[in-house]
């Protein structure tokens, strides 16, 4: 076995280890995402709806309990999450397309 062959095998082995770990992490993250996906879309539909506007106006009028956590009523928190989600979906789509292009599917 040549030195070049040994080095190539070592390099490919490190790629296998690294890719295996990252793919396992991504798989776990996808499991988590799929579990909350319906909740995310309910939140997205709530944001800007008449119910959200009613809740927002109640908060502005001081009608909600002071101790109530209400980041969902801020004008930025949900919008920022929707923007982040859209960017992530586009990033995932590009990653899938690169995989398809690289494999020739």
N, C-alpha and C. Protein backbone atom coordinates (compact mmCIF):
# COMPACT_ATOMS: atom_id res chain seq x y z
N UNK A 1 0.86 -1.18 0.00
CA UNK A 1 0.00 0.00 0.00
C UNK A 1 0.90 1.23 0.00
N UNK A 2 0.61 2.17 -0.89
CA UNK A 2 1.43 3.37 -1.00
C UNK A 2 1.03 4.38 0.07
N UNK A 3 1.92 5.33 0.30
CA UNK A 3 1.63 6.40 1.26
C UNK A 3 0.43 7.22 0.79
N UNK A 4 0.36 7.49 -0.51
CA UNK A 4 -0.76 8.26 -1.05
C UNK A 4 -2.07 7.52 -0.81
N UNK A 5 -2.05 6.22 -0.98
CA UNK A 5 -3.26 5.41 -0.77
C UNK A 5 -3.66 5.45 0.71
N UNK A 6 -2.71 5.32 1.59
CA UNK A 6 -2.98 5.37 3.03
C UNK A 6 -3.56 6.73 3.41
N UNK A 7 -2.96 7.79 2.90
CA UNK A 7 -3.45 9.14 3.20
C UNK A 7 -4.87 9.34 2.66
N UNK A 8 -5.12 8.84 1.46
CA UNK A 8 -6.46 8.96 0.87
C UNK A 8 -7.49 8.24 1.73
N UNK A 9 -7.18 7.05 2.17
CA UNK A 9 -8.10 6.28 3.01
C UNK A 9 -8.33 7.00 4.33
N UNK A 10 -7.28 7.54 4.94
CA UNK A 10 -7.43 8.29 6.19
C UNK A 10 -8.34 9.51 5.98
N UNK A 11 -8.12 10.23 4.88
CA UNK A 11 -8.93 11.41 4.59
C UNK A 11 -10.39 11.01 4.39
N UNK A 12 -10.62 9.97 3.61
CA UNK A 12 -12.00 9.53 3.35
C UNK A 12 -12.66 9.02 4.63
N UNK A 13 -11.89 8.39 5.49
CA UNK A 13 -12.41 7.91 6.77
C UNK A 13 -12.84 9.09 7.64
N UNK A 14 -12.05 10.17 7.63
CA UNK A 14 -12.43 11.36 8.40
C UNK A 14 -13.69 11.98 7.81
N UNK A 15 -13.83 11.97 6.48
CA UNK A 15 -15.06 12.46 5.84
C UNK A 15 -16.25 11.62 6.27
N UNK A 16 -16.07 10.31 6.32
CA UNK A 16 -17.14 9.40 6.75
C UNK A 16 -17.56 9.71 8.18
N UNK A 17 -16.60 9.86 9.06
CA UNK A 17 -16.92 10.14 10.46
C UNK A 17 -17.64 11.48 10.61
N UNK A 18 -17.10 12.51 9.96
CA UNK A 18 -17.69 13.84 10.08
C UNK A 18 -19.09 13.89 9.46
N UNK A 19 -19.22 13.37 8.25
CA UNK A 19 -20.51 13.39 7.57
C UNK A 19 -21.54 12.56 8.34
N UNK A 20 -21.13 11.42 8.86
CA UNK A 20 -22.05 10.58 9.63
C UNK A 20 -22.58 11.30 10.86
N UNK A 21 -21.71 11.99 11.57
CA UNK A 21 -22.12 12.72 12.77
C UNK A 21 -23.07 13.87 12.41
N UNK A 22 -22.73 14.62 11.38
CA UNK A 22 -23.55 15.77 11.00
C UNK A 22 -24.91 15.31 10.46
N UNK A 23 -24.92 14.26 9.66
CA UNK A 23 -26.19 13.75 9.13
C UNK A 23 -27.07 13.23 10.26
N UNK A 24 -26.49 12.60 11.26
CA UNK A 24 -27.27 12.14 12.41
C UNK A 24 -27.86 13.34 13.17
N UNK A 25 -27.08 14.40 13.32
CA UNK A 25 -27.58 15.62 13.98
C UNK A 25 -28.71 16.25 13.17
N UNK A 26 -28.54 16.30 11.86
CA UNK A 26 -29.57 16.87 10.99
C UNK A 26 -30.84 16.04 11.04
N UNK A 27 -30.69 14.73 11.07
CA UNK A 27 -31.84 13.83 11.17
C UNK A 27 -32.61 14.09 12.46
N UNK A 28 -31.88 14.25 13.55
CA UNK A 28 -32.50 14.55 14.84
C UNK A 28 -33.19 15.91 14.81
N UNK A 29 -32.53 16.90 14.20
CA UNK A 29 -33.14 18.23 14.08
C UNK A 29 -34.40 18.17 13.23
N UNK A 30 -34.38 17.39 12.16
CA UNK A 30 -35.57 17.24 11.31
C UNK A 30 -36.71 16.58 12.09
N UNK A 31 -36.39 15.60 12.93
CA UNK A 31 -37.42 14.98 13.77
C UNK A 31 -38.08 16.04 14.65
N UNK A 32 -37.25 16.89 15.27
CA UNK A 32 -37.77 17.94 16.15
C UNK A 32 -38.61 18.93 15.35
N UNK A 33 -38.12 19.31 14.18
CA UNK A 33 -38.84 20.28 13.35
C UNK A 33 -40.20 19.71 12.92
N UNK A 34 -40.20 18.47 12.48
CA UNK A 34 -41.45 17.86 12.03
C UNK A 34 -42.48 17.78 13.17
N UNK A 35 -42.01 17.63 14.39
CA UNK A 35 -42.93 17.57 15.54
C UNK A 35 -43.57 18.93 15.83
N UNK A 36 -42.86 20.01 15.55
CA UNK A 36 -43.42 21.33 15.84
C UNK A 36 -43.97 22.04 14.61
N UNK A 37 -43.84 21.42 13.47
CA UNK A 37 -44.21 22.08 12.22
C UNK A 37 -45.66 22.55 12.22
N UNK A 38 -46.58 21.73 12.68
CA UNK A 38 -47.99 22.15 12.68
C UNK A 38 -48.19 23.31 13.65
N UNK A 39 -47.47 23.33 14.76
CA UNK A 39 -47.56 24.45 15.70
C UNK A 39 -47.02 25.72 15.06
N UNK A 40 -45.93 25.59 14.33
CA UNK A 40 -45.36 26.75 13.66
C UNK A 40 -46.39 27.36 12.70
N UNK A 41 -47.04 26.52 11.90
CA UNK A 41 -48.01 27.05 10.92
C UNK A 41 -49.23 27.64 11.61
N UNK A 42 -49.62 27.11 12.76
CA UNK A 42 -50.71 27.72 13.52
C UNK A 42 -50.29 29.11 14.01
N UNK A 43 -49.05 29.22 14.48
CA UNK A 43 -48.53 30.52 14.91
C UNK A 43 -48.48 31.50 13.75
N UNK A 44 -47.99 31.04 12.61
CA UNK A 44 -47.90 31.89 11.43
C UNK A 44 -49.29 32.38 11.00
N UNK A 45 -50.28 31.50 11.07
CA UNK A 45 -51.65 31.90 10.71
C UNK A 45 -52.25 32.85 11.74
N UNK A 46 -51.89 32.68 13.00
CA UNK A 46 -52.37 33.56 14.07
C UNK A 46 -51.85 34.98 13.90
N UNK A 47 -50.56 35.08 13.52
CA UNK A 47 -49.91 36.39 13.39
C UNK A 47 -50.61 37.20 12.30
N UNK A 48 -51.11 38.35 12.67
CA UNK A 48 -51.79 39.23 11.73
C UNK A 48 -53.27 38.92 11.54
N UNK A 49 -53.75 37.85 12.18
CA UNK A 49 -55.16 37.51 12.08
C UNK A 49 -55.98 38.46 12.96
N UNK A 50 -57.30 38.38 12.85
CA UNK A 50 -58.14 39.22 13.69
C UNK A 50 -57.96 38.87 15.17
N UNK A 51 -57.70 37.58 15.45
CA UNK A 51 -57.47 37.19 16.86
C UNK A 51 -56.18 37.82 17.37
N UNK A 52 -55.13 37.81 16.54
CA UNK A 52 -53.87 38.43 16.97
C UNK A 52 -54.09 39.93 17.18
N UNK A 53 -54.79 40.56 16.27
CA UNK A 53 -55.05 42.01 16.40
C UNK A 53 -55.85 42.29 17.67
N UNK A 54 -56.87 41.47 17.97
CA UNK A 54 -57.63 41.64 19.20
C UNK A 54 -56.73 41.50 20.43
N UNK A 55 -55.86 40.48 20.41
CA UNK A 55 -54.95 40.25 21.54
C UNK A 55 -53.94 41.40 21.66
N UNK A 56 -53.44 41.87 20.54
CA UNK A 56 -52.49 42.99 20.53
C UNK A 56 -53.15 44.25 21.11
N UNK A 57 -54.37 44.52 20.68
CA UNK A 57 -55.08 45.71 21.17
C UNK A 57 -55.40 45.58 22.66
N UNK A 58 -55.72 44.39 23.11
CA UNK A 58 -55.97 44.17 24.54
C UNK A 58 -54.70 44.45 25.34
N UNK A 59 -53.58 44.02 24.80
CA UNK A 59 -52.30 44.27 25.47
C UNK A 59 -52.00 45.77 25.50
N UNK A 60 -52.19 46.44 24.40
CA UNK A 60 -51.94 47.88 24.33
C UNK A 60 -52.84 48.65 25.30
N UNK A 61 -54.06 48.14 25.52
CA UNK A 61 -55.01 48.80 26.42
C UNK A 61 -54.78 48.42 27.88
N UNK A 62 -53.77 47.56 28.14
CA UNK A 62 -53.47 47.16 29.51
C UNK A 62 -54.45 46.16 30.08
N UNK A 63 -55.16 45.43 29.24
CA UNK A 63 -56.18 44.49 29.70
C UNK A 63 -55.63 43.09 29.98
N UNK A 64 -54.37 42.86 29.69
CA UNK A 64 -53.77 41.53 29.92
C UNK A 64 -52.98 41.54 31.23
N UNK A 65 -52.90 40.40 31.90
CA UNK A 65 -52.13 40.34 33.16
C UNK A 65 -50.67 40.75 32.94
N UNK A 66 -50.15 41.51 33.85
CA UNK A 66 -48.78 42.03 33.73
C UNK A 66 -47.76 40.90 33.65
N UNK A 67 -48.02 39.78 34.33
CA UNK A 67 -47.06 38.68 34.36
C UNK A 67 -47.14 37.77 33.14
N UNK A 68 -48.09 38.02 32.25
CA UNK A 68 -48.29 37.18 31.07
C UNK A 68 -47.15 37.40 30.06
N UNK A 69 -46.48 36.32 29.72
CA UNK A 69 -45.45 36.40 28.69
C UNK A 69 -46.16 36.62 27.36
N UNK A 70 -45.73 37.64 26.59
CA UNK A 70 -46.46 37.97 25.38
C UNK A 70 -45.56 38.44 24.24
N UNK A 71 -44.45 37.77 24.10
CA UNK A 71 -43.56 38.05 22.97
C UNK A 71 -44.27 37.85 21.64
N UNK A 72 -45.25 36.97 21.64
CA UNK A 72 -46.02 36.69 20.43
C UNK A 72 -46.81 37.91 19.96
N UNK A 73 -47.01 38.87 20.86
CA UNK A 73 -47.74 40.08 20.50
C UNK A 73 -46.82 41.21 20.06
N UNK A 74 -45.52 40.99 20.16
CA UNK A 74 -44.61 42.01 19.65
C UNK A 74 -44.72 42.01 18.13
N UNK A 75 -44.41 43.13 17.54
CA UNK A 75 -44.53 43.19 16.09
C UNK A 75 -43.33 42.56 15.39
N UNK A 76 -42.30 42.24 16.13
CA UNK A 76 -41.09 41.72 15.51
C UNK A 76 -40.86 40.23 15.73
N UNK A 77 -41.19 39.69 16.89
CA UNK A 77 -40.81 38.32 17.23
C UNK A 77 -41.33 37.30 16.24
N UNK A 78 -42.62 37.31 15.96
CA UNK A 78 -43.20 36.32 15.05
C UNK A 78 -42.75 36.62 13.62
N UNK A 79 -42.73 37.89 13.25
CA UNK A 79 -42.28 38.25 11.91
C UNK A 79 -40.84 37.77 11.67
N UNK A 80 -39.97 37.99 12.67
CA UNK A 80 -38.58 37.54 12.54
C UNK A 80 -38.51 36.02 12.42
N UNK A 81 -39.34 35.31 13.18
CA UNK A 81 -39.36 33.85 13.08
C UNK A 81 -39.81 33.41 11.70
N UNK A 82 -40.83 34.04 11.16
CA UNK A 82 -41.32 33.71 9.81
C UNK A 82 -40.23 33.96 8.78
N UNK A 83 -39.53 35.08 8.92
CA UNK A 83 -38.43 35.40 8.01
C UNK A 83 -37.31 34.37 8.12
N UNK A 84 -36.95 34.01 9.35
CA UNK A 84 -35.91 33.00 9.57
C UNK A 84 -36.34 31.66 8.99
N UNK A 85 -37.61 31.30 9.18
CA UNK A 85 -38.13 30.04 8.66
C UNK A 85 -38.06 30.02 7.14
N UNK A 86 -38.47 31.11 6.51
CA UNK A 86 -38.43 31.19 5.05
C UNK A 86 -37.00 31.06 4.53
N UNK A 87 -36.07 31.73 5.19
CA UNK A 87 -34.66 31.64 4.78
C UNK A 87 -34.14 30.23 4.96
N UNK A 88 -34.52 29.58 6.04
CA UNK A 88 -34.08 28.21 6.28
C UNK A 88 -34.66 27.25 5.25
N UNK A 89 -35.93 27.43 4.90
CA UNK A 89 -36.55 26.58 3.88
C UNK A 89 -35.85 26.75 2.54
N UNK A 90 -35.51 27.99 2.18
CA UNK A 90 -34.79 28.25 0.93
C UNK A 90 -33.40 27.61 0.97
N UNK A 91 -32.75 27.71 2.13
CA UNK A 91 -31.42 27.09 2.29
C UNK A 91 -31.50 25.58 2.15
N UNK A 92 -32.52 24.99 2.76
CA UNK A 92 -32.69 23.54 2.65
C UNK A 92 -32.97 23.14 1.21
N UNK A 93 -33.77 23.93 0.52
CA UNK A 93 -34.08 23.65 -0.88
C UNK A 93 -32.81 23.68 -1.72
N UNK A 94 -31.97 24.69 -1.50
CA UNK A 94 -30.71 24.78 -2.25
C UNK A 94 -29.81 23.58 -1.95
N UNK A 95 -29.78 23.14 -0.68
CA UNK A 95 -28.96 21.99 -0.31
C UNK A 95 -29.46 20.73 -1.01
N UNK A 96 -30.78 20.57 -1.07
CA UNK A 96 -31.35 19.40 -1.75
C UNK A 96 -31.02 19.46 -3.24
N UNK A 97 -31.16 20.63 -3.85
CA UNK A 97 -30.85 20.77 -5.28
C UNK A 97 -29.39 20.47 -5.57
N UNK A 98 -28.48 20.93 -4.68
CA UNK A 98 -27.06 20.62 -4.86
C UNK A 98 -26.83 19.11 -4.78
N UNK A 99 -27.51 18.45 -3.86
CA UNK A 99 -27.37 17.00 -3.72
C UNK A 99 -27.85 16.29 -4.98
N UNK A 100 -28.97 16.74 -5.51
CA UNK A 100 -29.52 16.15 -6.73
C UNK A 100 -28.55 16.38 -7.90
N UNK A 101 -28.05 17.59 -8.00
CA UNK A 101 -27.10 17.90 -9.09
C UNK A 101 -25.83 17.06 -8.98
N UNK A 102 -25.33 16.89 -7.75
CA UNK A 102 -24.09 16.13 -7.55
C UNK A 102 -24.27 14.65 -7.83
N UNK A 103 -25.47 14.13 -7.60
CA UNK A 103 -25.72 12.70 -7.79
C UNK A 103 -26.35 12.40 -9.15
N UNK A 104 -26.82 13.43 -9.84
CA UNK A 104 -27.40 13.22 -11.15
C UNK A 104 -28.77 12.56 -11.13
N UNK A 105 -29.53 12.77 -10.06
CA UNK A 105 -30.87 12.16 -9.97
C UNK A 105 -31.79 12.75 -11.00
